[in-house]
C-alpha cells in the first residue's frame, strides 16, 4: 500500500500551491472534470499528489508541530541549504527539531496557513 495523495485545506489555494511550487519544486497536475471549487493538485513524485483545496473559514490546527500533526518529506541533504533559503525567501519559518536523530532534518511552517512540514535527509 502506498500514499495516493494528501489534502491540505486553505482559504487561499493559489498562494498555498505557489509556495510549494516555489520552494519544494512541485508541479501542477491537471484537474479532473469533476473537481469543484478552487483546487490545485501538485505532483509530489512517484505518482503521489498533494491536493490543495478551498475550505471557507479554514483554520489550521493548533497542534501543528514536531510532536503533533505535520507532513514529512524526503529531500537530498545536498540541497538542504538552498531549500532553507527558498523557504525563508518565500515567507516560511524554519524550526529546529526538538530531538536528535541519526540523520539530518529540519522543520518549517509554511506562511499561508501555518502547516508544519518536516524535511528529512533522503536515504542513500
PDB file of N, CA and C in Angstrom:
ATOM      1  N   UNK A   1       0.854  -1.175   0.000  1.00  0.00           N
ATOM      2  CA  UNK A   1       0.000   0.000   0.000  1.00  0.00           C
ATOM      3  C   UNK A   1       0.900   1.239   0.000  1.00  0.00           C
ATOM      4  N   UNK A   2       0.531   2.216  -0.774  1.00  0.00           N
ATOM      5  CA  UNK A   2       1.297   3.467  -0.812  1.00  0.00           C
ATOM      6  C   UNK A   2       0.347   4.651  -0.740  1.00  0.00           C
ATOM      7  N   UNK A   3       0.909   5.804  -0.474  1.00  0.00           N
ATOM      8  CA  UNK A   3       0.138   7.037  -0.392  1.00  0.00           C
ATOM      9  C   UNK A   3      -0.285   7.471  -1.792  1.00  0.00           C
ATOM     10  N   UNK A   4      -1.555   7.761  -1.982  1.00  0.00           N
ATOM     11  CA  UNK A   4      -2.050   8.276  -3.262  1.00  0.00           C
ATOM     12  C   UNK A   4      -1.978   9.803  -3.269  1.00  0.00           C
ATOM     13  N   UNK A   5      -2.531  10.418  -2.234  1.00  0.00           N
ATOM     14  CA  UNK A   5      -2.463  11.872  -2.101  1.00  0.00           C
ATOM     15  C   UNK A   5      -2.712  12.277  -0.659  1.00  0.00           C
ATOM     16  N   UNK A   6      -2.328  13.509  -0.347  1.00  0.00           N
ATOM     17  CA  UNK A   6      -2.701  14.135   0.909  1.00  0.00           C
ATOM     18  C   UNK A   6      -3.424  15.413   0.541  1.00  0.00           C
ATOM     19  N   UNK A   7      -4.316  15.838   1.393  1.00  0.00           N
ATOM     20  CA  UNK A   7      -5.132  17.016   1.106  1.00  0.00           C
ATOM     21  C   UNK A   7      -4.878  18.093   2.151  1.00  0.00           C
ATOM     22  N   UNK A   8      -4.615  19.302   1.681  1.00  0.00           N
ATOM     23  CA  UNK A   8      -4.460  20.456   2.555  1.00  0.00           C
ATOM     24  C   UNK A   8      -5.581  21.439   2.249  1.00  0.00           C
ATOM     25  N   UNK A   9      -6.331  21.787   3.263  1.00  0.00           N
ATOM     26  CA  UNK A   9      -7.385  22.785   3.113  1.00  0.00           C
ATOM     27  C   UNK A   9      -6.774  24.171   3.260  1.00  0.00           C
ATOM     28  N   UNK A  10      -7.372  25.147   2.582  1.00  0.00           N
ATOM     29  CA  UNK A  10      -6.863  26.511   2.643  1.00  0.00           C
ATOM     30  C   UNK A  10      -7.953  27.478   2.203  1.00  0.00           C
ATOM     31  N   UNK A  11      -7.931  28.664   2.786  1.00  0.00           N
ATOM     32  CA  UNK A  11      -8.786  29.726   2.279  1.00  0.00           C
ATOM     33  C   UNK A  11      -8.125  30.419   1.085  1.00  0.00           C
ATOM     34  N   UNK A  12      -6.789  30.187   0.913  1.00  0.00           N
ATOM     35  CA  UNK A  12      -6.007  30.848  -0.139  1.00  0.00           C
ATOM     36  C   UNK A  12      -5.257  29.779  -0.944  1.00  0.00           C
ATOM     37  N   UNK A  13      -5.990  29.084  -1.788  1.00  0.00           N
ATOM     38  CA  UNK A  13      -5.478  27.943  -2.543  1.00  0.00           C
ATOM     39  C   UNK A  13      -4.290  28.323  -3.422  1.00  0.00           C
ATOM     40  N   UNK A  14      -4.424  29.369  -4.216  1.00  0.00           N
ATOM     41  CA  UNK A  14      -3.354  29.754  -5.152  1.00  0.00           C
ATOM     42  C   UNK A  14      -2.064  30.102  -4.421  1.00  0.00           C
ATOM     43  N   UNK A  15      -2.156  30.853  -3.328  1.00  0.00           N
ATOM     44  CA  UNK A  15      -0.961  31.227  -2.569  1.00  0.00           C
ATOM     45  C   UNK A  15      -0.306  30.006  -1.933  1.00  0.00           C
ATOM     46  N   UNK A  16      -1.119  29.092  -1.428  1.00  0.00           N
ATOM     47  CA  UNK A  16      -0.598  27.873  -0.812  1.00  0.00           C
ATOM     48  C   UNK A  16       0.139  27.037  -1.846  1.00  0.00           C
ATOM     49  N   UNK A  17      -0.499  26.798  -2.979  1.00  0.00           N
ATOM     50  CA  UNK A  17       0.122  25.996  -4.035  1.00  0.00           C
ATOM     51  C   UNK A  17       1.399  26.666  -4.538  1.00  0.00           C
ATOM     52  N   UNK A  18       1.374  27.968  -4.719  1.00  0.00           N
ATOM     53  CA  UNK A  18       2.544  28.695  -5.222  1.00  0.00           C
ATOM     54  C   UNK A  18       3.731  28.551  -4.269  1.00  0.00           C
ATOM     55  N   UNK A  19       3.487  28.551  -2.963  1.00  0.00           N
ATOM     56  CA  UNK A  19       4.577  28.376  -2.004  1.00  0.00           C
ATOM     57  C   UNK A  19       5.279  27.038  -2.232  1.00  0.00           C
ATOM     58  N   UNK A  20       4.505  25.974  -2.396  1.00  0.00           N
ATOM     59  CA  UNK A  20       5.105  24.649  -2.585  1.00  0.00           C
ATOM     60  C   UNK A  20       5.760  24.500  -3.962  1.00  0.00           C
ATOM     61  N   UNK A  21       5.220  25.184  -4.951  1.00  0.00           N
ATOM     62  CA  UNK A  21       5.854  25.179  -6.270  1.00  0.00           C
ATOM     63  C   UNK A  21       7.219  25.865  -6.204  1.00  0.00           C
ATOM     64  N   UNK A  22       7.281  27.009  -5.540  1.00  0.00           N
ATOM     65  CA  UNK A  22       8.494  27.818  -5.499  1.00  0.00           C
ATOM     66  C   UNK A  22       9.559  27.265  -4.559  1.00  0.00           C
ATOM     67  N   UNK A  23       9.160  26.529  -3.530  1.00  0.00           N
ATOM     68  CA  UNK A  23      10.129  26.037  -2.557  1.00  0.00           C
ATOM     69  C   UNK A  23      10.509  24.575  -2.802  1.00  0.00           C
ATOM     70  N   UNK A  24       9.537  23.696  -2.829  1.00  0.00           N
ATOM     71  CA  UNK A  24       9.814  22.272  -2.982  1.00  0.00           C
ATOM     72  C   UNK A  24       9.850  21.831  -4.444  1.00  0.00           C
ATOM     73  N   UNK A  25       9.449  22.716  -5.354  1.00  0.00           N
ATOM     74  CA  UNK A  25       9.535  22.414  -6.779  1.00  0.00           C
ATOM     75  C   UNK A  25       8.415  21.529  -7.301  1.00  0.00           C
ATOM     76  N   UNK A  26       7.324  21.414  -6.563  1.00  0.00           N
ATOM     77  CA  UNK A  26       6.205  20.590  -7.024  1.00  0.00           C
ATOM     78  C   UNK A  26       5.519  21.262  -8.207  1.00  0.00           C
ATOM     79  N   UNK A  27       5.159  20.471  -9.207  1.00  0.00           N
ATOM     80  CA  UNK A  27       4.477  20.980 -10.402  1.00  0.00           C
ATOM     81  C   UNK A  27       2.992  20.646 -10.323  1.00  0.00           C
ATOM     82  N   UNK A  28       2.200  21.425 -11.006  1.00  0.00           N
ATOM     83  CA  UNK A  28       0.755  21.192 -11.031  1.00  0.00           C
ATOM     84  C   UNK A  28       0.403  20.041 -11.964  1.00  0.00           C
ATOM     85  N   UNK A  29      -0.534  19.224 -11.510  1.00  0.00           N
ATOM     86  CA  UNK A  29      -1.126  18.186 -12.348  1.00  0.00           C
ATOM     87  C   UNK A  29      -2.475  18.692 -12.846  1.00  0.00           C
ATOM     88  N   UNK A  30      -2.937  18.189 -13.999  1.00  0.00           N
ATOM     89  CA  UNK A  30      -4.258  18.591 -14.476  1.00  0.00           C
ATOM     90  C   UNK A  30      -5.345  18.113 -13.513  1.00  0.00           C
ATOM     91  N   UNK A  31      -6.400  18.895 -13.446  1.00  0.00           N
ATOM     92  CA  UNK A  31      -7.545  18.537 -12.592  1.00  0.00           C
ATOM     93  C   UNK A  31      -8.565  17.742 -13.393  1.00  0.00           C
ATOM     94  N   UNK A  32      -9.168  16.735 -12.780  1.00  0.00           N
ATOM     95  CA  UNK A  32     -10.258  16.040 -13.471  1.00  0.00           C
ATOM     96  C   UNK A  32     -11.485  16.953 -13.576  1.00  0.00           C
ATOM     97  N   UNK A  33     -12.370  16.641 -14.481  1.00  0.00           N
ATOM     98  CA  UNK A  33     -13.547  17.473 -14.737  1.00  0.00           C
ATOM     99  C   UNK A  33     -14.493  17.561 -13.543  1.00  0.00           C
ATOM    100  N   UNK A  34     -14.462  16.595 -12.646  1.00  0.00           N
ATOM    101  CA  UNK A  34     -15.430  16.580 -11.543  1.00  0.00           C
ATOM    102  C   UNK A  34     -14.975  17.358 -10.308  1.00  0.00           C
ATOM    103  N   UNK A  35     -13.829  18.036 -10.362  1.00  0.00           N
ATOM    104  CA  UNK A  35     -13.361  18.826  -9.225  1.00  0.00           C
ATOM    105  C   UNK A  35     -14.182  20.105  -9.139  1.00  0.00           C
ATOM    106  N   UNK A  36     -14.631  20.410  -7.935  1.00  0.00           N
ATOM    107  CA  UNK A  36     -15.449  21.607  -7.727  1.00  0.00           C
ATOM    108  C   UNK A  36     -14.711  22.595  -6.843  1.00  0.00           C
ATOM    109  N   UNK A  37     -14.849  23.857  -7.145  1.00  0.00           N
ATOM    110  CA  UNK A  37     -14.249  24.911  -6.344  1.00  0.00           C
ATOM    111  C   UNK A  37     -12.761  25.068  -6.608  1.00  0.00           C
ATOM    112  N   UNK A  38     -12.187  26.117  -6.043  1.00  0.00           N
ATOM    113  CA  UNK A  38     -10.755  26.361  -6.231  1.00  0.00           C
ATOM    114  C   UNK A  38      -9.935  25.189  -5.687  1.00  0.00           C
ATOM    115  N   UNK A  39      -9.151  24.579  -6.548  1.00  0.00           N
ATOM    116  CA  UNK A  39      -8.352  23.401  -6.192  1.00  0.00           C
ATOM    117  C   UNK A  39      -7.107  23.352  -7.063  1.00  0.00           C
ATOM    118  N   UNK A  40      -6.004  22.923  -6.469  1.00  0.00           N
ATOM    119  CA  UNK A  40      -4.762  22.681  -7.206  1.00  0.00           C
ATOM    120  C   UNK A  40      -4.257  21.311  -6.787  1.00  0.00           C
ATOM    121  N   UNK A  41      -3.889  20.498  -7.765  1.00  0.00           N
ATOM    122  CA  UNK A  41      -3.247  19.216  -7.497  1.00  0.00           C
ATOM    123  C   UNK A  41      -1.782  19.360  -7.847  1.00  0.00           C
ATOM    124  N   UNK A  42      -0.914  19.083  -6.867  1.00  0.00           N
ATOM    125  CA  UNK A  42       0.524  19.170  -7.065  1.00  0.00           C
ATOM    126  C   UNK A  42       1.117  17.763  -7.131  1.00  0.00           C
ATOM    127  N   UNK A  43       1.995  17.564  -8.083  1.00  0.00           N
ATOM    128  CA  UNK A  43       2.678  16.289  -8.246  1.00  0.00           C
ATOM    129  C   UNK A  43       3.864  16.281  -7.293  1.00  0.00           C
ATOM    130  N   UNK A  44       3.851  15.386  -6.300  1.00  0.00           N
ATOM    131  CA  UNK A  44       4.937  15.333  -5.325  1.00  0.00           C
ATOM    132  C   UNK A  44       5.878  14.151  -5.590  1.00  0.00           C
ATOM    133  N   UNK A  45       5.686  13.495  -6.738  1.00  0.00           N
ATOM    134  CA  UNK A  45       6.588  12.432  -7.149  1.00  0.00           C
ATOM    135  C   UNK A  45       6.039  11.040  -6.924  1.00  0.00           C
ATOM    136  N   UNK A  46       6.527  10.102  -7.718  1.00  0.00           N
ATOM    137  CA  UNK A  46       6.179   8.688  -7.610  1.00  0.00           C
ATOM    138  C   UNK A  46       4.676   8.433  -7.680  1.00  0.00           C
ATOM    139  N   UNK A  47       3.989   9.227  -8.486  1.00  0.00           N
ATOM    140  CA  UNK A  47       2.555   9.059  -8.665  1.00  0.00           C
ATOM    141  C   UNK A  47       1.716   9.593  -7.508  1.00  0.00           C
ATOM    142  N   UNK A  48       2.346  10.302  -6.596  1.00  0.00           N
ATOM    143  CA  UNK A  48       1.647  10.836  -5.428  1.00  0.00           C
ATOM    144  C   UNK A  48       1.370  12.330  -5.620  1.00  0.00           C
ATOM    145  N   UNK A  49       0.325  12.798  -4.960  1.00  0.00           N
ATOM    146  CA  UNK A  49      -0.072  14.194  -5.132  1.00  0.00           C
ATOM    147  C   UNK A  49      -0.379  14.852  -3.791  1.00  0.00           C
ATOM    148  N   UNK A  50      -0.314  16.172  -3.809  1.00  0.00           N
ATOM    149  CA  UNK A  50      -0.816  16.999  -2.717  1.00  0.00           C
ATOM    150  C   UNK A  50      -1.987  17.786  -3.297  1.00  0.00           C
ATOM    151  N   UNK A  51      -3.167  17.593  -2.750  1.00  0.00           N
ATOM    152  CA  UNK A  51      -4.344  18.331  -3.195  1.00  0.00           C
ATOM    153  C   UNK A  51      -4.534  19.522  -2.261  1.00  0.00           C
ATOM    154  N   UNK A  52      -4.562  20.698  -2.834  1.00  0.00           N
ATOM    155  CA  UNK A  52      -4.812  21.921  -2.075  1.00  0.00           C
ATOM    156  C   UNK A  52      -6.193  22.389  -2.492  1.00  0.00           C
ATOM    157  N   UNK A  53      -7.115  22.426  -1.537  1.00  0.00           N
ATOM    158  CA  UNK A  53      -8.492  22.788  -1.883  1.00  0.00           C
ATOM    159  C   UNK A  53      -9.039  23.859  -0.960  1.00  0.00           C
ATOM    160  N   UNK A  54     -10.001  24.586  -1.484  1.00  0.00           N
ATOM    161  CA  UNK A  54     -10.581  25.699  -0.747  1.00  0.00           C
ATOM    162  C   UNK A  54     -11.541  25.192   0.326  1.00  0.00           C
ATOM    163  N   UNK A  55     -11.400  25.761   1.522  1.00  0.00           N
ATOM    164  CA  UNK A  55     -12.326  25.499   2.624  1.00  0.00           C
ATOM    165  C   UNK A  55     -12.602  26.839   3.297  1.00  0.00           C
ATOM    166  N   UNK A  56     -13.814  27.294   3.150  1.00  0.00           N
ATOM    167  CA  UNK A  56     -14.213  28.580   3.724  1.00  0.00           C
ATOM    168  C   UNK A  56     -14.031  28.547   5.236  1.00  0.00           C
ATOM    169  N   UNK A  57     -13.496  29.627   5.800  1.00  0.00           N
ATOM    170  CA  UNK A  57     -13.274  29.775   7.241  1.00  0.00           C
ATOM    171  C   UNK A  57     -12.305  28.748   7.818  1.00  0.00           C
ATOM    172  N   UNK A  58     -11.447  28.175   6.981  1.00  0.00           N
ATOM    173  CA  UNK A  58     -10.494  27.182   7.461  1.00  0.00           C
ATOM    174  C   UNK A  58      -9.459  27.810   8.380  1.00  0.00           C
ATOM    175  N   UNK A  59      -9.109  27.084   9.428  1.00  0.00           N
ATOM    176  CA  UNK A  59      -8.008  27.462  10.310  1.00  0.00           C
ATOM    177  C   UNK A  59      -7.205  26.205  10.616  1.00  0.00           C
ATOM    178  N   UNK A  60      -5.888  26.311  10.515  1.00  0.00           N
ATOM    179  CA  UNK A  60      -5.024  25.168  10.772  1.00  0.00           C
ATOM    180  C   UNK A  60      -5.085  24.796  12.256  1.00  0.00           C
ATOM    181  N   UNK A  61      -4.813  23.549  12.554  1.00  0.00           N
ATOM    182  CA  UNK A  61      -4.835  23.040  13.924  1.00  0.00           C
ATOM    183  C   UNK A  61      -3.763  23.705  14.786  1.00  0.00           C
ATOM    184  N   UNK A  62      -4.069  23.896  16.038  1.00  0.00           N
ATOM    185  CA  UNK A  62      -3.083  24.408  16.994  1.00  0.00           C
ATOM    186  C   UNK A  62      -2.032  23.345  17.301  1.00  0.00           C
ATOM    187  N   UNK A  63      -2.225  22.136  16.822  1.00  0.00           N
ATOM    188  CA  UNK A  63      -1.330  21.024  17.105  1.00  0.00           C
ATOM    189  C   UNK A  63      -0.338  20.742  15.986  1.00  0.00           C
ATOM    190  N   UNK A  64      -0.140  21.704  15.085  1.00  0.00           N
ATOM    191  CA  UNK A  64       0.875  21.562  14.042  1.00  0.00           C
ATOM    192  C   UNK A  64       2.237  21.732  14.705  1.00  0.00           C
ATOM    193  N   UNK A  65       3.006  20.642  14.780  1.00  0.00           N
ATOM    194  CA  UNK A  65       4.299  20.681  15.469  1.00  0.00           C
ATOM    195  C   UNK A  65       5.039  19.369  15.256  1.00  0.00           C
ATOM    196  N   UNK A  66       6.295  19.332  15.741  1.00  0.00           N
ATOM    197  CA  UNK A  66       7.061  18.090  15.649  1.00  0.00           C
ATOM    198  C   UNK A  66       6.336  16.956  16.365  1.00  0.00           C
ATOM    199  N   UNK A  67       5.848  17.216  17.563  1.00  0.00           N
ATOM    200  CA  UNK A  67       5.092  16.213  18.309  1.00  0.00           C
ATOM    201  C   UNK A  67       3.611  16.547  18.198  1.00  0.00           C
ATOM    202  N   UNK A  68       3.121  16.533  17.000  1.00  0.00           N
ATOM    203  CA  UNK A  68       1.742  16.832  16.658  1.00  0.00           C
ATOM    204  C   UNK A  68       1.577  16.495  15.195  1.00  0.00           C
ATOM    205  N   UNK A  69       0.643  17.138  14.540  1.00  0.00           N
ATOM    206  CA  UNK A  69       0.426  16.857  13.119  1.00  0.00           C
ATOM    207  C   UNK A  69       1.444  17.624  12.281  1.00  0.00           C
ATOM    208  N   UNK A  70       2.067  16.910  11.357  1.00  0.00           N
ATOM    209  CA  UNK A  70       2.948  17.535  10.363  1.00  0.00           C
ATOM    210  C   UNK A  70       3.097  16.575   9.198  1.00  0.00           C
ATOM    211  N   UNK A  71       3.589  17.112   8.096  1.00  0.00           N
ATOM    212  CA  UNK A  71       3.834  16.321   6.889  1.00  0.00           C
ATOM    213  C   UNK A  71       5.341  16.170   6.767  1.00  0.00           C
ATOM    214  N   UNK A  72       5.814  14.936   6.579  1.00  0.00           N
ATOM    215  CA  UNK A  72       7.246  14.681   6.446  1.00  0.00           C
ATOM    216  C   UNK A  72       7.568  14.298   5.005  1.00  0.00           C
ATOM    217  N   UNK A  73       8.623  14.898   4.466  1.00  0.00           N
ATOM    218  CA  UNK A  73       9.064  14.609   3.101  1.00  0.00           C
ATOM    219  C   UNK A  73      10.560  14.344   3.107  1.00  0.00           C
ATOM    220  N   UNK A  74      11.015  13.489   2.177  1.00  0.00           N
ATOM    221  CA  UNK A  74      12.442  13.267   1.977  1.00  0.00           C
ATOM    222  C   UNK A  74      12.972  14.294   0.987  1.00  0.00           C
ATOM    223  N   UNK A  75      14.215  14.703   1.204  1.00  0.00           N
ATOM    224  CA  UNK A  75      14.861  15.662   0.306  1.00  0.00           C
ATOM    225  C   UNK A  75      16.367  15.387   0.347  1.00  0.00           C
ATOM    226  N   UNK A  76      17.075  15.523  -0.769  1.00  0.00           N
ATOM    227  CA  UNK A  76      18.521  15.281  -0.759  1.00  0.00           C
ATOM    228  C   UNK A  76      19.236  16.244   0.199  1.00  0.00           C
ATOM    229  N   UNK A  77      20.070  15.701   1.057  1.00  0.00           N
ATOM    230  CA  UNK A  77      20.806  16.510   2.029  1.00  0.00           C
ATOM    231  C   UNK A  77      21.620  17.606   1.352  1.00  0.00           C
ATOM    232  N   UNK A  78      22.160  17.310   0.172  1.00  0.00           N
ATOM    233  CA  UNK A  78      22.972  18.287  -0.553  1.00  0.00           C
ATOM    234  C   UNK A  78      22.173  19.543  -0.925  1.00  0.00           C
ATOM    235  N   UNK A  79      20.850  19.454  -0.927  1.00  0.00           N
ATOM    236  CA  UNK A  79      20.006  20.589  -1.277  1.00  0.00           C
ATOM    237  C   UNK A  79      19.410  21.312  -0.090  1.00  0.00           C
ATOM    238  N   UNK A  80      19.750  20.889   1.129  1.00  0.00           N
ATOM    239  CA  UNK A  80      19.142  21.497   2.322  1.00  0.00           C
ATOM    240  C   UNK A  80      19.371  23.004   2.395  1.00  0.00           C
ATOM    241  N   UNK A  81      20.592  23.457   2.198  1.00  0.00           N
ATOM    242  CA  UNK A  81      20.887  24.897   2.344  1.00  0.00           C
ATOM    243  C   UNK A  81      20.061  25.726   1.363  1.00  0.00           C
ATOM    244  N   UNK A  82      20.005  25.305   0.107  1.00  0.00           N
ATOM    245  CA  UNK A  82      19.233  26.047  -0.897  1.00  0.00           C
ATOM    246  C   UNK A  82      17.743  25.991  -0.588  1.00  0.00           C
ATOM    247  N   UNK A  83      17.270  24.829  -0.145  1.00  0.00           N
ATOM    248  CA  UNK A  83      15.850  24.706   0.199  1.00  0.00           C
ATOM    249  C   UNK A  83      15.498  25.623   1.364  1.00  0.00           C
ATOM    250  N   UNK A  84      16.313  25.630   2.389  1.00  0.00           N
ATOM    251  CA  UNK A  84      16.061  26.514   3.533  1.00  0.00           C
ATOM    252  C   UNK A  84      15.996  27.974   3.083  1.00  0.00           C
ATOM    253  N   UNK A  85      16.895  28.359   2.197  1.00  0.00           N
ATOM    254  CA  UNK A  85      16.898  29.737   1.688  1.00  0.00           C
ATOM    255  C   UNK A  85      15.606  30.058   0.948  1.00  0.00           C
ATOM    256  N   UNK A  86      15.158  29.131   0.098  1.00  0.00           N
ATOM    257  CA  UNK A  86      13.903  29.354  -0.642  1.00  0.00           C
ATOM    258  C   UNK A  86      12.714  29.449   0.307  1.00  0.00           C
ATOM    259  N   UNK A  87      12.680  28.582   1.313  1.00  0.00           N
ATOM    260  CA  UNK A  87      11.577  28.606   2.278  1.00  0.00           C
ATOM    261  C   UNK A  87      11.503  29.959   2.967  1.00  0.00           C
ATOM    262  N   UNK A  88      12.628  30.440   3.461  1.00  0.00           N
ATOM    263  CA  UNK A  88      12.660  31.733   4.154  1.00  0.00           C
ATOM    264  C   UNK A  88      12.343  32.872   3.184  1.00  0.00           C
ATOM    265  N   UNK A  89      12.905  32.810   1.982  1.00  0.00           N
ATOM    266  CA  UNK A  89      12.660  33.843   0.970  1.00  0.00           C
ATOM    267  C   UNK A  89      11.171  33.991   0.666  1.00  0.00           C
ATOM    268  N   UNK A  90      10.429  32.888   0.731  1.00  0.00           N
ATOM    269  CA  UNK A  90       9.001  32.915   0.405  1.00  0.00           C
ATOM    270  C   UNK A  90       8.109  32.955   1.648  1.00  0.00           C
ATOM    271  N   UNK A  91       8.698  33.337   2.789  1.00  0.00           N
ATOM    272  CA  UNK A  91       7.909  33.611   3.985  1.00  0.00           C
ATOM    273  C   UNK A  91       7.771  32.473   4.977  1.00  0.00           C
ATOM    274  N   UNK A  92       8.361  31.325   4.693  1.00  0.00           N
ATOM    275  CA  UNK A  92       8.298  30.213   5.635  1.00  0.00           C
ATOM    276  C   UNK A  92       9.197  30.461   6.836  1.00  0.00           C
ATOM    277  N   UNK A  93       8.919  29.746   7.913  1.00  0.00           N
ATOM    278  CA  UNK A  93       9.698  29.875   9.139  1.00  0.00           C
ATOM    279  C   UNK A  93      10.362  28.538   9.434  1.00  0.00           C
ATOM    280  N   UNK A  94      11.691  28.549   9.577  1.00  0.00           N
ATOM    281  CA  UNK A  94      12.428  27.337   9.902  1.00  0.00           C
ATOM    282  C   UNK A  94      12.286  27.029  11.387  1.00  0.00           C
ATOM    283  N   UNK A  95      12.187  25.739  11.695  1.00  0.00           N
ATOM    284  CA  UNK A  95      12.012  25.284  13.079  1.00  0.00           C
ATOM    285  C   UNK A  95      13.041  24.189  13.348  1.00  0.00           C
ATOM    286  N   UNK A  96      13.846  24.358  14.383  1.00  0.00           N
ATOM    287  CA  UNK A  96      14.816  23.332  14.750  1.00  0.00           C
ATOM    288  C   UNK A  96      14.100  22.136  15.361  1.00  0.00           C
ATOM    289  N   UNK A  97      14.587  20.924  15.077  1.00  0.00           N
ATOM    290  CA  UNK A  97      13.996  19.725  15.701  1.00  0.00           C
ATOM    291  C   UNK A  97      14.172  19.753  17.216  1.00  0.00           C
ATOM    292  N   UNK A  98      13.237  19.124  17.925  1.00  0.00           N
ATOM    293  CA  UNK A  98      13.290  19.062  19.384  1.00  0.00           C
ATOM    294  C   UNK A  98      14.085  17.855  19.875  1.00  0.00           C
ATOM    295  N   UNK A  99      14.257  16.854  19.041  1.00  0.00           N
ATOM    296  CA  UNK A  99      15.007  15.663  19.464  1.00  0.00           C
ATOM    297  C   UNK A  99      16.048  15.317  18.408  1.00  0.00           C
ATOM    298  N   UNK A 100      17.187  14.786  18.864  1.00  0.00           N
ATOM    299  CA  UNK A 100      18.230  14.394  17.906  1.00  0.00           C
ATOM    300  C   UNK A 100      17.859  13.112  17.170  1.00  0.00           C
ATOM    301  N   UNK A 101      18.381  12.986  15.945  1.00  0.00           N
ATOM    302  CA  UNK A 101      18.199  11.779  15.144  1.00  0.00           C
ATOM    303  C   UNK A 101      19.530  11.461  14.474  1.00  0.00           C
ATOM    304  N   UNK A 102      19.716  10.222  14.023  1.00  0.00           N
ATOM    305  CA  UNK A 102      20.974   9.868  13.357  1.00  0.00           C
ATOM    306  C   UNK A 102      21.055  10.382  11.919  1.00  0.00           C
ATOM    307  N   UNK A 103      20.049  11.080  11.457  1.00  0.00           N
ATOM    308  CA  UNK A 103      20.014  11.654  10.114  1.00  0.00           C
ATOM    309  C   UNK A 103      19.673  13.133  10.254  1.00  0.00           C
ATOM    310  N   UNK A 104      19.994  13.904   9.237  1.00  0.00           N
ATOM    311  CA  UNK A 104      19.726  15.340   9.284  1.00  0.00           C
ATOM    312  C   UNK A 104      18.272  15.610   8.898  1.00  0.00           C
ATOM    313  N   UNK A 105      17.692  16.603   9.536  1.00  0.00           N
ATOM    314  CA  UNK A 105      16.318  17.001   9.244  1.00  0.00           C
ATOM    315  C   UNK A 105      16.079  18.391   9.795  1.00  0.00           C
ATOM    316  N   UNK A 106      15.001  19.008   9.340  1.00  0.00           N
ATOM    317  CA  UNK A 106      14.542  20.280   9.895  1.00  0.00           C
ATOM    318  C   UNK A 106      13.053  20.390   9.634  1.00  0.00           C
ATOM    319  N   UNK A 107      12.429  21.322  10.308  1.00  0.00           N
ATOM    320  CA  UNK A 107      11.002  21.576  10.149  1.00  0.00           C
ATOM    321  C   UNK A 107      10.823  22.996   9.624  1.00  0.00           C
ATOM    322  N   UNK A 108       9.677  23.231   8.999  1.00  0.00           N
ATOM    323  CA  UNK A 108       9.316  24.601   8.647  1.00  0.00           C
ATOM    324  C   UNK A 108       7.801  24.761   8.716  1.00  0.00           C
ATOM    325  N   UNK A 109       7.399  25.995   8.978  1.00  0.00           N
ATOM    326  CA  UNK A 109       5.979  26.353   8.972  1.00  0.00           C
ATOM    327  C   UNK A 109       5.733  27.132   7.697  1.00  0.00           C
ATOM    328  N   UNK A 110       4.788  26.628   6.867  1.00  0.00           N
ATOM    329  CA  UNK A 110       4.507  27.358   5.623  1.00  0.00           C
ATOM    330  C   UNK A 110       3.715  28.612   5.975  1.00  0.00           C
ATOM    331  N   UNK A 111       3.905  29.702   5.223  1.00  0.00           N
ATOM    332  CA  UNK A 111       3.408  31.006   5.634  1.00  0.00           C
ATOM    333  C   UNK A 111       1.935  31.299   5.381  1.00  0.00           C
ATOM    334  N   UNK A 112       1.272  30.530   4.563  1.00  0.00           N
ATOM    335  CA  UNK A 112      -0.100  30.883   4.193  1.00  0.00           C
ATOM    336  C   UNK A 112      -1.102  30.380   5.229  1.00  0.00           C
ATOM    337  N   UNK A 113      -0.960  29.137   5.637  1.00  0.00           N
ATOM    338  CA  UNK A 113      -1.919  28.521   6.561  1.00  0.00           C
ATOM    339  C   UNK A 113      -1.313  28.159   7.908  1.00  0.00           C
ATOM    340  N   UNK A 114      -0.009  27.941   7.938  1.00  0.00           N
ATOM    341  CA  UNK A 114       0.657  27.538   9.169  1.00  0.00           C
ATOM    342  C   UNK A 114       0.895  26.043   9.287  1.00  0.00           C
ATOM    343  N   UNK A 115       0.752  25.295   8.189  1.00  0.00           N
ATOM    344  CA  UNK A 115       1.063  23.871   8.218  1.00  0.00           C
ATOM    345  C   UNK A 115       2.543  23.675   8.529  1.00  0.00           C
ATOM    346  N   UNK A 116       2.858  22.601   9.264  1.00  0.00           N
ATOM    347  CA  UNK A 116       4.248  22.280   9.584  1.00  0.00           C
ATOM    348  C   UNK A 116       4.684  21.093   8.738  1.00  0.00           C
ATOM    349  N   UNK A 117       5.879  21.235   8.147  1.00  0.00           N
ATOM    350  CA  UNK A 117       6.495  20.183   7.344  1.00  0.00           C
ATOM    351  C   UNK A 117       7.838  19.813   7.943  1.00  0.00           C
ATOM    352  N   UNK A 118       8.154  18.538   7.880  1.00  0.00           N
ATOM    353  CA  UNK A 118       9.467  18.046   8.271  1.00  0.00           C
ATOM    354  C   UNK A 118      10.199  17.631   6.995  1.00  0.00           C
ATOM    355  N   UNK A 119      11.426  18.086   6.849  1.00  0.00           N
ATOM    356  CA  UNK A 119      12.255  17.710   5.711  1.00  0.00           C
ATOM    357  C   UNK A 119      13.342  16.788   6.245  1.00  0.00           C
ATOM    358  N   UNK A 120      13.370  15.565   5.716  1.00  0.00           N
ATOM    359  CA  UNK A 120      14.286  14.533   6.206  1.00  0.00           C
ATOM    360  C   UNK A 120      15.299  14.210   5.115  1.00  0.00           C
ATOM    361  N   UNK A 121      16.540  14.045   5.542  1.00  0.00           N
ATOM    362  CA  UNK A 121      17.602  13.639   4.632  1.00  0.00           C
ATOM    363  C   UNK A 121      17.199  12.371   3.872  1.00  0.00           C
ATOM    364  N   UNK A 122      17.229  12.456   2.550  1.00  0.00           N
ATOM    365  CA  UNK A 122      16.863  11.322   1.702  1.00  0.00           C
ATOM    366  C   UNK A 122      17.828  10.166   1.947  1.00  0.00           C
ATOM    367  N   UNK A 123      17.292   8.970   2.230  1.00  0.00           N
ATOM    368  CA  UNK A 123      18.187   7.823   2.418  1.00  0.00           C
ATOM    369  C   UNK A 123      18.980   7.511   1.151  1.00  0.00           C
ATOM    370  N   UNK A 124      20.180   7.016   1.347  1.00  0.00           N
ATOM    371  CA  UNK A 124      21.047   6.686   0.201  1.00  0.00           C
ATOM    372  C   UNK A 124      20.523   5.490  -0.562  1.00  0.00           C
TER     373      UNK A 124
END
